[in-house]
């Protein structure tokens, strides 16, 4: 491995590449170390458990393969989520790894993710009279319904494609946003017009 290279990132990129040929459970720490040019111990130092490795690979995949398109408004968020569902359909093996990682116990920081903070900020801008706790609750709901985990459940449980999953997402988002306390009738009309 070249000097100055970020070892954890290289390990994660090699793990993601290995997913093209093997299921996650068949990827060994030894094979990752060999592919990266480090010892198996080094891989363990950066990812002490399989859960840490899975979470890391999923994060790497989400940021490189499935980045959420930028958004500021609620209609832009809806469109970004639909685009992401299409990306999940295009690379289902990677999307299922992200969904699996979301279903394990968290190993990372208890801080809200960047995605959650962006959703809260977007909601606070659109619904300034709603309290912070409700904004975080709605943001968490929207985050789940825009996730690989939701996509995987709809894909495997109901054999839905990205457009159909996007329709379910739209109905759910409309319901959740429509139930916000302090939402005016003008806000609801704008939501219906955009969706």
N, C-alpha and C. Protein backbone atom coordinates (compact mmCIF):
# COMPACT_ATOMS: atom_id res chain seq x y z
N UNK A 1 0.85 -1.18 0.00
CA UNK A 1 0.00 0.00 0.00
C UNK A 1 0.89 1.24 0.00
N UNK A 2 0.52 2.23 -0.75
CA UNK A 2 1.31 3.45 -0.86
C UNK A 2 1.33 4.21 0.46
N UNK A 3 2.45 4.86 0.72
CA UNK A 3 2.60 5.67 1.93
C UNK A 3 1.61 6.82 1.90
N UNK A 4 0.99 7.12 3.04
CA UNK A 4 0.06 8.23 3.14
C UNK A 4 -1.37 7.88 2.73
N UNK A 5 -1.60 6.64 2.33
CA UNK A 5 -2.95 6.23 1.95
C UNK A 5 -3.77 5.98 3.21
N UNK A 6 -5.01 6.35 3.17
CA UNK A 6 -5.93 6.16 4.29
C UNK A 6 -6.31 4.67 4.35
N UNK A 7 -5.70 3.94 5.26
CA UNK A 7 -5.86 2.49 5.34
C UNK A 7 -7.32 2.06 5.49
N UNK A 8 -8.09 2.65 6.41
CA UNK A 8 -9.49 2.20 6.53
C UNK A 8 -10.28 2.37 5.23
N UNK A 9 -10.07 3.46 4.53
CA UNK A 9 -10.79 3.69 3.27
C UNK A 9 -10.39 2.67 2.23
N UNK A 10 -9.11 2.36 2.15
CA UNK A 10 -8.64 1.35 1.19
C UNK A 10 -9.24 -0.02 1.54
N UNK A 11 -9.28 -0.35 2.82
CA UNK A 11 -9.89 -1.62 3.24
C UNK A 11 -11.36 -1.66 2.82
N UNK A 12 -12.07 -0.57 3.06
CA UNK A 12 -13.49 -0.53 2.71
C UNK A 12 -13.71 -0.62 1.20
N UNK A 13 -12.87 0.05 0.43
CA UNK A 13 -13.04 -0.01 -1.03
C UNK A 13 -12.76 -1.42 -1.54
N UNK A 14 -11.78 -2.10 -0.95
CA UNK A 14 -11.50 -3.48 -1.35
C UNK A 14 -12.63 -4.42 -0.91
N UNK A 15 -13.19 -4.17 0.26
CA UNK A 15 -14.32 -4.98 0.72
C UNK A 15 -15.51 -4.80 -0.22
N UNK A 16 -15.77 -3.57 -0.63
CA UNK A 16 -16.87 -3.31 -1.56
C UNK A 16 -16.61 -3.99 -2.90
N UNK A 17 -15.37 -3.94 -3.37
CA UNK A 17 -15.03 -4.61 -4.63
C UNK A 17 -15.21 -6.12 -4.50
N UNK A 18 -14.86 -6.68 -3.35
CA UNK A 18 -15.02 -8.12 -3.13
C UNK A 18 -16.49 -8.52 -3.13
N UNK A 19 -17.38 -7.59 -2.78
CA UNK A 19 -18.82 -7.88 -2.79
C UNK A 19 -19.35 -8.18 -4.18
N UNK A 20 -18.62 -7.77 -5.19
CA UNK A 20 -19.04 -8.05 -6.56
C UNK A 20 -18.92 -9.54 -6.89
N UNK A 21 -18.07 -10.24 -6.13
CA UNK A 21 -17.84 -11.66 -6.39
C UNK A 21 -18.28 -12.58 -5.26
N UNK A 22 -18.41 -12.06 -4.04
CA UNK A 22 -18.72 -12.90 -2.89
C UNK A 22 -19.71 -12.19 -1.97
N UNK A 23 -20.53 -12.97 -1.27
CA UNK A 23 -21.39 -12.34 -0.25
C UNK A 23 -20.53 -11.80 0.89
N UNK A 24 -21.08 -10.86 1.63
CA UNK A 24 -20.32 -10.23 2.71
C UNK A 24 -19.76 -11.25 3.69
N UNK A 25 -20.56 -12.25 4.05
CA UNK A 25 -20.13 -13.24 5.04
C UNK A 25 -18.95 -14.08 4.57
N UNK A 26 -18.68 -14.11 3.28
CA UNK A 26 -17.56 -14.90 2.74
C UNK A 26 -16.27 -14.08 2.61
N UNK A 27 -16.33 -12.81 2.92
CA UNK A 27 -15.13 -11.96 2.81
C UNK A 27 -14.39 -12.04 4.14
N UNK A 28 -13.16 -12.54 4.10
CA UNK A 28 -12.39 -12.69 5.33
C UNK A 28 -11.48 -11.50 5.57
N UNK A 29 -11.14 -11.30 6.82
CA UNK A 29 -10.19 -10.25 7.18
C UNK A 29 -8.83 -10.54 6.56
N UNK A 30 -8.47 -11.78 6.49
CA UNK A 30 -7.18 -12.15 5.89
C UNK A 30 -7.14 -11.77 4.42
N UNK A 31 -8.22 -12.10 3.68
CA UNK A 31 -8.23 -11.76 2.25
C UNK A 31 -8.23 -10.25 2.04
N UNK A 32 -8.92 -9.51 2.91
CA UNK A 32 -8.89 -8.05 2.81
C UNK A 32 -7.47 -7.52 3.05
N UNK A 33 -6.83 -8.04 4.10
CA UNK A 33 -5.45 -7.63 4.39
C UNK A 33 -4.53 -7.91 3.22
N UNK A 34 -4.66 -9.11 2.63
CA UNK A 34 -3.82 -9.47 1.48
C UNK A 34 -4.08 -8.54 0.30
N UNK A 35 -5.35 -8.23 0.03
CA UNK A 35 -5.69 -7.37 -1.10
C UNK A 35 -5.16 -5.95 -0.90
N UNK A 36 -5.16 -5.49 0.33
CA UNK A 36 -4.74 -4.12 0.63
C UNK A 36 -3.23 -4.03 0.82
N UNK A 37 -2.62 -5.14 1.21
CA UNK A 37 -1.18 -5.12 1.48
C UNK A 37 -0.86 -4.81 2.92
N UNK A 38 -1.77 -5.17 3.82
CA UNK A 38 -1.55 -4.99 5.26
C UNK A 38 -1.82 -6.33 5.93
N UNK A 39 -1.49 -6.41 7.21
CA UNK A 39 -1.74 -7.65 7.94
C UNK A 39 -3.21 -7.78 8.32
N UNK A 40 -3.60 -9.01 8.59
CA UNK A 40 -4.97 -9.25 9.07
C UNK A 40 -5.20 -8.48 10.37
N UNK A 41 -4.17 -8.37 11.19
CA UNK A 41 -4.26 -7.64 12.46
C UNK A 41 -4.61 -6.16 12.21
N UNK A 42 -4.05 -5.58 11.17
CA UNK A 42 -4.34 -4.18 10.84
C UNK A 42 -5.82 -4.02 10.48
N UNK A 43 -6.35 -4.96 9.74
CA UNK A 43 -7.77 -4.90 9.38
C UNK A 43 -8.61 -4.96 10.66
N UNK A 44 -8.25 -5.87 11.57
CA UNK A 44 -8.97 -5.98 12.85
C UNK A 44 -8.83 -4.71 13.69
N UNK A 45 -7.69 -4.07 13.63
CA UNK A 45 -7.49 -2.85 14.41
C UNK A 45 -8.47 -1.76 13.96
N UNK A 46 -8.70 -1.68 12.66
CA UNK A 46 -9.62 -0.66 12.14
C UNK A 46 -11.08 -1.08 12.25
N UNK A 47 -11.35 -2.38 12.15
CA UNK A 47 -12.72 -2.90 12.18
C UNK A 47 -12.74 -4.12 13.11
N UNK A 48 -12.87 -3.88 14.42
CA UNK A 48 -12.71 -4.95 15.40
C UNK A 48 -13.72 -6.10 15.29
N UNK A 49 -14.90 -5.83 14.74
CA UNK A 49 -15.90 -6.88 14.59
C UNK A 49 -16.46 -6.85 13.17
N UNK A 50 -17.15 -7.92 12.80
CA UNK A 50 -17.81 -7.96 11.49
C UNK A 50 -18.88 -6.86 11.40
N UNK A 51 -19.51 -6.55 12.52
CA UNK A 51 -20.51 -5.47 12.51
C UNK A 51 -19.86 -4.13 12.17
N UNK A 52 -18.67 -3.88 12.72
CA UNK A 52 -17.95 -2.64 12.39
C UNK A 52 -17.59 -2.61 10.91
N UNK A 53 -17.14 -3.75 10.39
CA UNK A 53 -16.78 -3.81 8.98
C UNK A 53 -18.01 -3.61 8.11
N UNK A 54 -19.11 -4.28 8.44
CA UNK A 54 -20.34 -4.12 7.67
C UNK A 54 -20.82 -2.68 7.68
N UNK A 55 -20.81 -2.07 8.85
CA UNK A 55 -21.22 -0.67 8.96
C UNK A 55 -20.29 0.23 8.13
N UNK A 56 -19.00 -0.04 8.19
CA UNK A 56 -18.05 0.76 7.42
C UNK A 56 -18.24 0.60 5.92
N UNK A 57 -18.40 -0.65 5.47
CA UNK A 57 -18.60 -0.89 4.04
C UNK A 57 -19.90 -0.23 3.57
N UNK A 58 -20.95 -0.37 4.36
CA UNK A 58 -22.22 0.25 3.99
C UNK A 58 -22.08 1.77 3.89
N UNK A 59 -21.39 2.37 4.85
CA UNK A 59 -21.18 3.82 4.80
C UNK A 59 -20.39 4.23 3.58
N UNK A 60 -19.35 3.43 3.26
CA UNK A 60 -18.54 3.72 2.08
C UNK A 60 -19.39 3.60 0.82
N UNK A 61 -20.20 2.55 0.72
CA UNK A 61 -21.07 2.36 -0.44
C UNK A 61 -22.08 3.50 -0.54
N UNK A 62 -22.70 3.85 0.58
CA UNK A 62 -23.70 4.93 0.56
C UNK A 62 -23.08 6.23 0.06
N UNK A 63 -21.85 6.51 0.49
CA UNK A 63 -21.24 7.80 0.10
C UNK A 63 -20.65 7.78 -1.30
N UNK A 64 -20.26 6.62 -1.81
CA UNK A 64 -19.63 6.59 -3.14
C UNK A 64 -20.54 6.08 -4.25
N UNK A 65 -21.39 5.11 -3.94
CA UNK A 65 -22.26 4.53 -4.96
C UNK A 65 -23.66 5.14 -4.92
N UNK A 66 -24.16 5.42 -3.72
CA UNK A 66 -25.53 5.91 -3.56
C UNK A 66 -25.60 7.27 -2.85
N UNK A 67 -24.80 8.23 -3.25
CA UNK A 67 -24.94 9.51 -2.54
C UNK A 67 -26.31 10.11 -2.85
N UNK A 68 -26.92 10.66 -1.83
CA UNK A 68 -28.22 11.29 -2.03
C UNK A 68 -27.99 12.60 -2.77
N UNK A 69 -28.68 12.79 -3.90
CA UNK A 69 -28.51 14.06 -4.61
C UNK A 69 -28.82 15.23 -3.68
N UNK A 70 -28.16 16.37 -3.88
CA UNK A 70 -28.39 17.52 -2.99
C UNK A 70 -29.84 17.99 -3.03
N UNK A 71 -30.29 18.46 -1.89
CA UNK A 71 -31.65 18.98 -1.80
C UNK A 71 -31.70 20.07 -0.73
N UNK A 72 -32.65 20.99 -0.91
CA UNK A 72 -32.88 22.04 0.07
C UNK A 72 -34.36 22.07 0.42
N UNK A 73 -35.20 21.85 -0.57
CA UNK A 73 -36.64 21.91 -0.36
C UNK A 73 -37.23 20.51 -0.25
N UNK A 74 -38.45 20.43 0.23
CA UNK A 74 -39.12 19.14 0.35
C UNK A 74 -39.33 18.50 -1.03
N UNK A 75 -39.77 19.22 -2.05
CA UNK A 75 -39.88 18.59 -3.37
C UNK A 75 -38.53 18.07 -3.89
N UNK A 76 -37.44 18.80 -3.63
CA UNK A 76 -36.12 18.32 -4.05
C UNK A 76 -35.73 17.05 -3.28
N UNK A 77 -36.07 16.98 -1.99
CA UNK A 77 -35.80 15.78 -1.21
C UNK A 77 -36.58 14.59 -1.78
N UNK A 78 -37.82 14.82 -2.14
CA UNK A 78 -38.62 13.74 -2.71
C UNK A 78 -38.00 13.24 -4.02
N UNK A 79 -37.58 14.16 -4.86
CA UNK A 79 -36.97 13.77 -6.13
C UNK A 79 -35.63 13.06 -5.90
N UNK A 80 -34.85 13.54 -4.94
CA UNK A 80 -33.57 12.89 -4.61
C UNK A 80 -33.80 11.47 -4.11
N UNK A 81 -34.83 11.26 -3.33
CA UNK A 81 -35.14 9.93 -2.82
C UNK A 81 -35.54 8.99 -3.95
N UNK A 82 -36.35 9.48 -4.88
CA UNK A 82 -36.73 8.66 -6.03
C UNK A 82 -35.49 8.27 -6.86
N UNK A 83 -34.59 9.23 -7.05
CA UNK A 83 -33.36 8.94 -7.81
C UNK A 83 -32.52 7.88 -7.08
N UNK A 84 -32.51 7.95 -5.78
CA UNK A 84 -31.76 6.97 -5.00
C UNK A 84 -32.37 5.58 -5.10
N UNK A 85 -33.69 5.49 -5.10
CA UNK A 85 -34.35 4.19 -5.28
C UNK A 85 -33.96 3.59 -6.63
N UNK A 86 -33.88 4.43 -7.66
CA UNK A 86 -33.46 3.94 -8.98
C UNK A 86 -32.01 3.44 -8.93
N UNK A 87 -31.16 4.15 -8.19
CA UNK A 87 -29.77 3.70 -8.04
C UNK A 87 -29.71 2.37 -7.29
N UNK A 88 -30.57 2.19 -6.28
CA UNK A 88 -30.62 0.91 -5.57
C UNK A 88 -31.03 -0.21 -6.53
N UNK A 89 -32.00 0.05 -7.39
CA UNK A 89 -32.42 -0.95 -8.37
C UNK A 89 -31.28 -1.30 -9.33
N UNK A 90 -30.44 -0.32 -9.65
CA UNK A 90 -29.33 -0.55 -10.58
C UNK A 90 -28.21 -1.37 -9.95
N UNK A 91 -28.04 -1.31 -8.64
CA UNK A 91 -26.99 -2.07 -7.93
C UNK A 91 -27.58 -2.74 -6.69
N UNK A 92 -28.45 -3.72 -6.89
CA UNK A 92 -29.16 -4.28 -5.74
C UNK A 92 -28.26 -4.97 -4.71
N UNK A 93 -27.17 -5.59 -5.14
CA UNK A 93 -26.29 -6.26 -4.17
C UNK A 93 -25.73 -5.25 -3.18
N UNK A 94 -25.28 -4.11 -3.68
CA UNK A 94 -24.77 -3.06 -2.80
C UNK A 94 -25.89 -2.51 -1.91
N UNK A 95 -27.07 -2.32 -2.48
CA UNK A 95 -28.19 -1.78 -1.70
C UNK A 95 -28.57 -2.73 -0.57
N UNK A 96 -28.53 -4.04 -0.84
CA UNK A 96 -28.86 -5.00 0.22
C UNK A 96 -27.82 -4.99 1.33
N UNK A 97 -26.55 -4.74 1.00
CA UNK A 97 -25.53 -4.62 2.04
C UNK A 97 -25.83 -3.41 2.92
N UNK A 98 -26.21 -2.30 2.31
CA UNK A 98 -26.57 -1.10 3.08
C UNK A 98 -27.79 -1.36 3.96
N UNK A 99 -28.76 -2.08 3.42
CA UNK A 99 -29.96 -2.41 4.20
C UNK A 99 -29.61 -3.32 5.37
N UNK A 100 -28.75 -4.29 5.14
CA UNK A 100 -28.35 -5.20 6.21
C UNK A 100 -27.62 -4.44 7.31
N UNK A 101 -26.75 -3.53 6.93
CA UNK A 101 -26.01 -2.75 7.93
C UNK A 101 -26.96 -1.91 8.77
N UNK A 102 -28.01 -1.40 8.15
CA UNK A 102 -28.97 -0.57 8.89
C UNK A 102 -29.76 -1.39 9.91
N UNK A 103 -29.81 -2.70 9.71
CA UNK A 103 -30.61 -3.53 10.61
C UNK A 103 -29.83 -4.08 11.80
N UNK A 104 -28.49 -3.89 11.81
CA UNK A 104 -27.70 -4.36 12.94
C UNK A 104 -27.68 -3.31 14.03
N UNK A 105 -27.27 -3.70 15.20
CA UNK A 105 -27.12 -2.73 16.29
C UNK A 105 -26.07 -1.71 15.89
N UNK A 106 -26.31 -0.46 16.17
CA UNK A 106 -25.34 0.56 15.77
C UNK A 106 -24.02 0.40 16.53
N UNK A 107 -22.94 0.57 15.80
CA UNK A 107 -21.62 0.52 16.42
C UNK A 107 -20.96 1.88 16.39
N UNK A 108 -21.55 2.81 15.66
CA UNK A 108 -20.94 4.13 15.50
C UNK A 108 -21.34 5.11 16.58
N UNK A 109 -21.15 6.34 16.28
CA UNK A 109 -21.43 7.43 17.21
C UNK A 109 -22.93 7.60 17.40
N UNK A 110 -23.37 7.97 18.61
CA UNK A 110 -24.79 8.19 18.83
C UNK A 110 -25.27 9.54 18.30
N UNK A 111 -24.38 10.33 17.75
CA UNK A 111 -24.74 11.63 17.17
C UNK A 111 -25.68 11.44 15.99
N UNK A 112 -26.61 12.37 15.78
CA UNK A 112 -27.44 12.29 14.58
C UNK A 112 -26.56 12.39 13.33
N UNK A 113 -26.92 11.64 12.32
CA UNK A 113 -26.13 11.65 11.09
C UNK A 113 -26.29 12.99 10.37
N UNK A 114 -25.40 13.22 9.43
CA UNK A 114 -25.47 14.42 8.61
C UNK A 114 -26.82 14.48 7.90
N UNK A 115 -27.26 13.34 7.37
CA UNK A 115 -28.53 13.25 6.65
C UNK A 115 -29.68 13.68 7.56
N UNK A 116 -29.69 13.20 8.79
CA UNK A 116 -30.75 13.57 9.74
C UNK A 116 -30.70 15.06 10.03
N UNK A 117 -29.51 15.60 10.24
CA UNK A 117 -29.39 17.03 10.53
C UNK A 117 -29.89 17.88 9.35
N UNK A 118 -29.60 17.45 8.12
CA UNK A 118 -30.07 18.17 6.94
C UNK A 118 -31.59 18.11 6.86
N UNK A 119 -32.15 16.94 7.13
CA UNK A 119 -33.62 16.83 7.11
C UNK A 119 -34.27 17.73 8.16
N UNK A 120 -33.70 17.75 9.37
CA UNK A 120 -34.24 18.60 10.43
C UNK A 120 -34.17 20.07 10.00
N UNK A 121 -33.06 20.48 9.43
CA UNK A 121 -32.92 21.87 8.98
C UNK A 121 -33.93 22.20 7.88
N UNK A 122 -34.11 21.28 6.93
CA UNK A 122 -35.08 21.50 5.86
C UNK A 122 -36.48 21.63 6.44
N UNK A 123 -36.83 20.75 7.38
CA UNK A 123 -38.15 20.80 7.99
C UNK A 123 -38.33 22.07 8.82
N UNK A 124 -37.29 22.47 9.55
CA UNK A 124 -37.38 23.69 10.37
C UNK A 124 -37.63 24.92 9.50
N UNK A 125 -37.04 24.93 8.32
CA UNK A 125 -37.24 26.04 7.40
C UNK A 125 -38.67 26.07 6.88
N UNK A 126 -39.20 24.88 6.57
CA UNK A 126 -40.54 24.79 6.00
C UNK A 126 -41.65 24.83 7.04
N UNK A 127 -41.34 24.41 8.27
CA UNK A 127 -42.33 24.36 9.33
C UNK A 127 -41.76 25.00 10.60
N UNK A 128 -41.56 26.33 10.59
CA UNK A 128 -40.88 26.99 11.71
C UNK A 128 -41.63 26.94 13.04
N UNK A 129 -42.91 26.68 13.03
CA UNK A 129 -43.66 26.66 14.29
C UNK A 129 -43.64 25.30 14.98
N UNK A 130 -43.03 24.29 14.35
CA UNK A 130 -42.99 22.94 14.93
C UNK A 130 -41.78 22.83 15.85
N UNK A 131 -41.99 22.19 17.02
CA UNK A 131 -40.89 22.09 17.99
C UNK A 131 -39.82 21.11 17.51
N UNK A 132 -38.64 21.23 18.10
CA UNK A 132 -37.47 20.45 17.70
C UNK A 132 -37.67 18.95 17.83
N UNK A 133 -38.33 18.50 18.88
CA UNK A 133 -38.57 17.06 19.07
C UNK A 133 -39.41 16.50 17.94
N UNK A 134 -40.46 17.21 17.54
CA UNK A 134 -41.30 16.74 16.45
C UNK A 134 -40.55 16.79 15.11
N UNK A 135 -39.72 17.80 14.94
CA UNK A 135 -38.91 17.87 13.71
C UNK A 135 -37.98 16.67 13.62
N UNK A 136 -37.33 16.30 14.74
CA UNK A 136 -36.43 15.14 14.74
C UNK A 136 -37.21 13.84 14.49
N UNK A 137 -38.40 13.75 15.05
CA UNK A 137 -39.25 12.56 14.84
C UNK A 137 -39.62 12.42 13.37
N UNK A 138 -40.06 13.50 12.76
CA UNK A 138 -40.44 13.48 11.35
C UNK A 138 -39.21 13.23 10.48
N UNK A 139 -38.08 13.84 10.82
CA UNK A 139 -36.85 13.61 10.06
C UNK A 139 -36.45 12.13 10.10
N UNK A 140 -36.57 11.51 11.28
CA UNK A 140 -36.23 10.08 11.40
C UNK A 140 -37.17 9.23 10.55
N UNK A 141 -38.42 9.60 10.52
CA UNK A 141 -39.39 8.86 9.70
C UNK A 141 -39.05 9.00 8.22
N UNK A 142 -38.81 10.23 7.78
CA UNK A 142 -38.47 10.45 6.37
C UNK A 142 -37.16 9.75 6.01
N UNK A 143 -36.21 9.77 6.92
CA UNK A 143 -34.93 9.12 6.66
C UNK A 143 -35.14 7.63 6.45
N UNK A 144 -35.94 7.00 7.30
CA UNK A 144 -36.19 5.56 7.13
C UNK A 144 -36.85 5.28 5.78
N UNK A 145 -37.88 6.05 5.43
CA UNK A 145 -38.60 5.77 4.20
C UNK A 145 -37.81 6.13 2.95
N UNK A 146 -36.68 6.81 3.09
CA UNK A 146 -35.79 7.09 1.96
C UNK A 146 -34.56 6.18 1.98
N UNK A 147 -34.57 5.16 2.83
CA UNK A 147 -33.37 4.35 3.06
C UNK A 147 -33.31 3.08 2.21
N UNK A 148 -32.12 2.50 2.18
CA UNK A 148 -31.92 1.21 1.52
C UNK A 148 -32.70 0.12 2.26
N UNK A 149 -32.84 0.26 3.55
CA UNK A 149 -33.57 -0.73 4.33
C UNK A 149 -35.05 -0.77 3.90
N UNK A 150 -35.66 0.39 3.74
CA UNK A 150 -37.05 0.44 3.26
C UNK A 150 -37.14 -0.11 1.85
N UNK A 151 -36.21 0.31 0.98
CA UNK A 151 -36.18 -0.19 -0.40
C UNK A 151 -36.10 -1.72 -0.40
N UNK A 152 -35.21 -2.29 0.42
CA UNK A 152 -35.03 -3.75 0.45
C UNK A 152 -36.30 -4.45 0.92
N UNK A 153 -36.97 -3.88 1.90
CA UNK A 153 -38.21 -4.50 2.40
C UNK A 153 -39.29 -4.48 1.32
N UNK A 154 -39.42 -3.39 0.60
CA UNK A 154 -40.42 -3.31 -0.46
C UNK A 154 -40.04 -4.21 -1.63
N UNK A 155 -38.76 -4.25 -1.93
CA UNK A 155 -38.26 -5.06 -3.07
C UNK A 155 -38.46 -6.54 -2.80
N UNK A 156 -38.06 -7.01 -1.62
CA UNK A 156 -38.14 -8.44 -1.32
C UNK A 156 -39.53 -8.86 -0.86
N UNK A 157 -40.18 -8.03 -0.07
CA UNK A 157 -41.48 -8.40 0.47
C UNK A 157 -42.63 -8.27 -0.51
N UNK A 158 -42.52 -7.30 -1.42
CA UNK A 158 -43.64 -7.02 -2.32
C UNK A 158 -43.22 -7.02 -3.79
N UNK A 159 -41.96 -7.35 -4.06
CA UNK A 159 -41.43 -7.40 -5.43
C UNK A 159 -41.69 -6.10 -6.19
N UNK A 160 -41.44 -4.98 -5.50
CA UNK A 160 -41.68 -3.67 -6.09
C UNK A 160 -40.40 -3.14 -6.75
N UNK A 161 -40.57 -2.36 -7.79
CA UNK A 161 -39.46 -1.69 -8.46
C UNK A 161 -39.30 -0.29 -7.88
N UNK A 162 -38.24 0.39 -8.28
CA UNK A 162 -37.97 1.74 -7.77
C UNK A 162 -39.15 2.70 -7.96
N UNK A 163 -39.78 2.74 -9.14
CA UNK A 163 -40.91 3.67 -9.29
C UNK A 163 -42.06 3.36 -8.31
N UNK A 164 -42.37 2.09 -8.11
CA UNK A 164 -43.44 1.73 -7.18
C UNK A 164 -43.05 2.06 -5.74
N UNK A 165 -41.80 1.82 -5.40
CA UNK A 165 -41.31 2.16 -4.05
C UNK A 165 -41.36 3.67 -3.87
N UNK A 166 -40.99 4.41 -4.92
CA UNK A 166 -41.07 5.87 -4.87
C UNK A 166 -42.50 6.35 -4.63
N UNK A 167 -43.48 5.67 -5.21
CA UNK A 167 -44.88 6.04 -4.98
C UNK A 167 -45.28 5.82 -3.52
N UNK A 168 -44.84 4.70 -2.94
CA UNK A 168 -45.12 4.43 -1.53
C UNK A 168 -44.46 5.50 -0.67
N UNK A 169 -43.21 5.83 -1.01
CA UNK A 169 -42.49 6.88 -0.29
C UNK A 169 -43.26 8.19 -0.36
N UNK A 170 -43.74 8.56 -1.55
CA UNK A 170 -44.48 9.81 -1.73
C UNK A 170 -45.71 9.86 -0.84
N UNK A 171 -46.49 8.78 -0.83
CA UNK A 171 -47.70 8.75 -0.01
C UNK A 171 -47.36 8.86 1.47
N UNK A 172 -46.32 8.16 1.89
CA UNK A 172 -45.91 8.21 3.29
C UNK A 172 -45.42 9.60 3.66
N UNK A 173 -44.58 10.19 2.82
CA UNK A 173 -44.05 11.53 3.10
C UNK A 173 -45.19 12.54 3.18
N UNK A 174 -46.15 12.43 2.29
CA UNK A 174 -47.30 13.35 2.33
C UNK A 174 -48.08 13.20 3.62
N UNK A 175 -48.28 11.97 4.05
CA UNK A 175 -49.01 11.71 5.29
C UNK A 175 -48.25 12.27 6.49
N UNK A 176 -46.96 11.99 6.57
CA UNK A 176 -46.13 12.44 7.70
C UNK A 176 -46.06 13.96 7.74
N UNK A 177 -45.82 14.57 6.60
CA UNK A 177 -45.72 16.03 6.56
C UNK A 177 -47.08 16.68 6.81
N UNK A 178 -48.14 16.05 6.36
CA UNK A 178 -49.48 16.58 6.58
C UNK A 178 -49.91 16.54 8.03
N UNK A 179 -49.30 15.63 8.80
CA UNK A 179 -49.65 15.49 10.21
C UNK A 179 -48.86 16.40 11.15
N UNK A 180 -47.94 17.17 10.61
CA UNK A 180 -47.15 18.05 11.47
C UNK A 180 -48.05 19.08 12.16
N UNK A 181 -47.83 19.27 13.44
CA UNK A 181 -48.56 20.28 14.20
C UNK A 181 -48.11 21.65 13.71
N UNK A 182 -49.03 22.54 13.52
CA UNK A 182 -48.68 23.89 13.10
C UNK A 182 -48.61 24.05 11.59
N UNK A 183 -48.93 23.01 10.86
CA UNK A 183 -48.92 23.10 9.41
C UNK A 183 -50.19 23.81 8.97
N UNK A 184 -50.03 24.78 8.13
CA UNK A 184 -51.19 25.54 7.66
C UNK A 184 -51.82 24.85 6.46
N UNK A 185 -53.02 25.22 6.14
CA UNK A 185 -53.69 24.65 4.97
C UNK A 185 -52.92 25.01 3.70
N UNK A 186 -52.30 26.19 3.66
CA UNK A 186 -51.50 26.58 2.50
C UNK A 186 -50.30 25.63 2.34
N UNK A 187 -49.69 25.22 3.47
CA UNK A 187 -48.59 24.27 3.42
C UNK A 187 -49.06 22.94 2.83
N UNK A 188 -50.22 22.48 3.29
CA UNK A 188 -50.75 21.20 2.80
C UNK A 188 -51.04 21.29 1.30
N UNK A 189 -51.61 22.40 0.86
CA UNK A 189 -51.91 22.57 -0.56
C UNK A 189 -50.64 22.58 -1.39
N UNK A 190 -49.59 23.23 -0.88
CA UNK A 190 -48.30 23.25 -1.59
C UNK A 190 -47.71 21.85 -1.67
N UNK A 191 -47.83 21.07 -0.60
CA UNK A 191 -47.34 19.69 -0.59
C UNK A 191 -48.09 18.84 -1.62
N UNK A 192 -49.41 18.98 -1.65
CA UNK A 192 -50.20 18.20 -2.61
C UNK A 192 -49.83 18.59 -4.03
N UNK A 193 -49.62 19.87 -4.28
CA UNK A 193 -49.28 20.35 -5.62
C UNK A 193 -47.91 19.83 -6.06
N UNK A 194 -46.97 19.71 -5.13
CA UNK A 194 -45.63 19.26 -5.50
C UNK A 194 -45.55 17.75 -5.62
N UNK A 195 -46.45 17.02 -5.00
CA UNK A 195 -46.39 15.55 -5.02
C UNK A 195 -47.39 15.00 -5.92
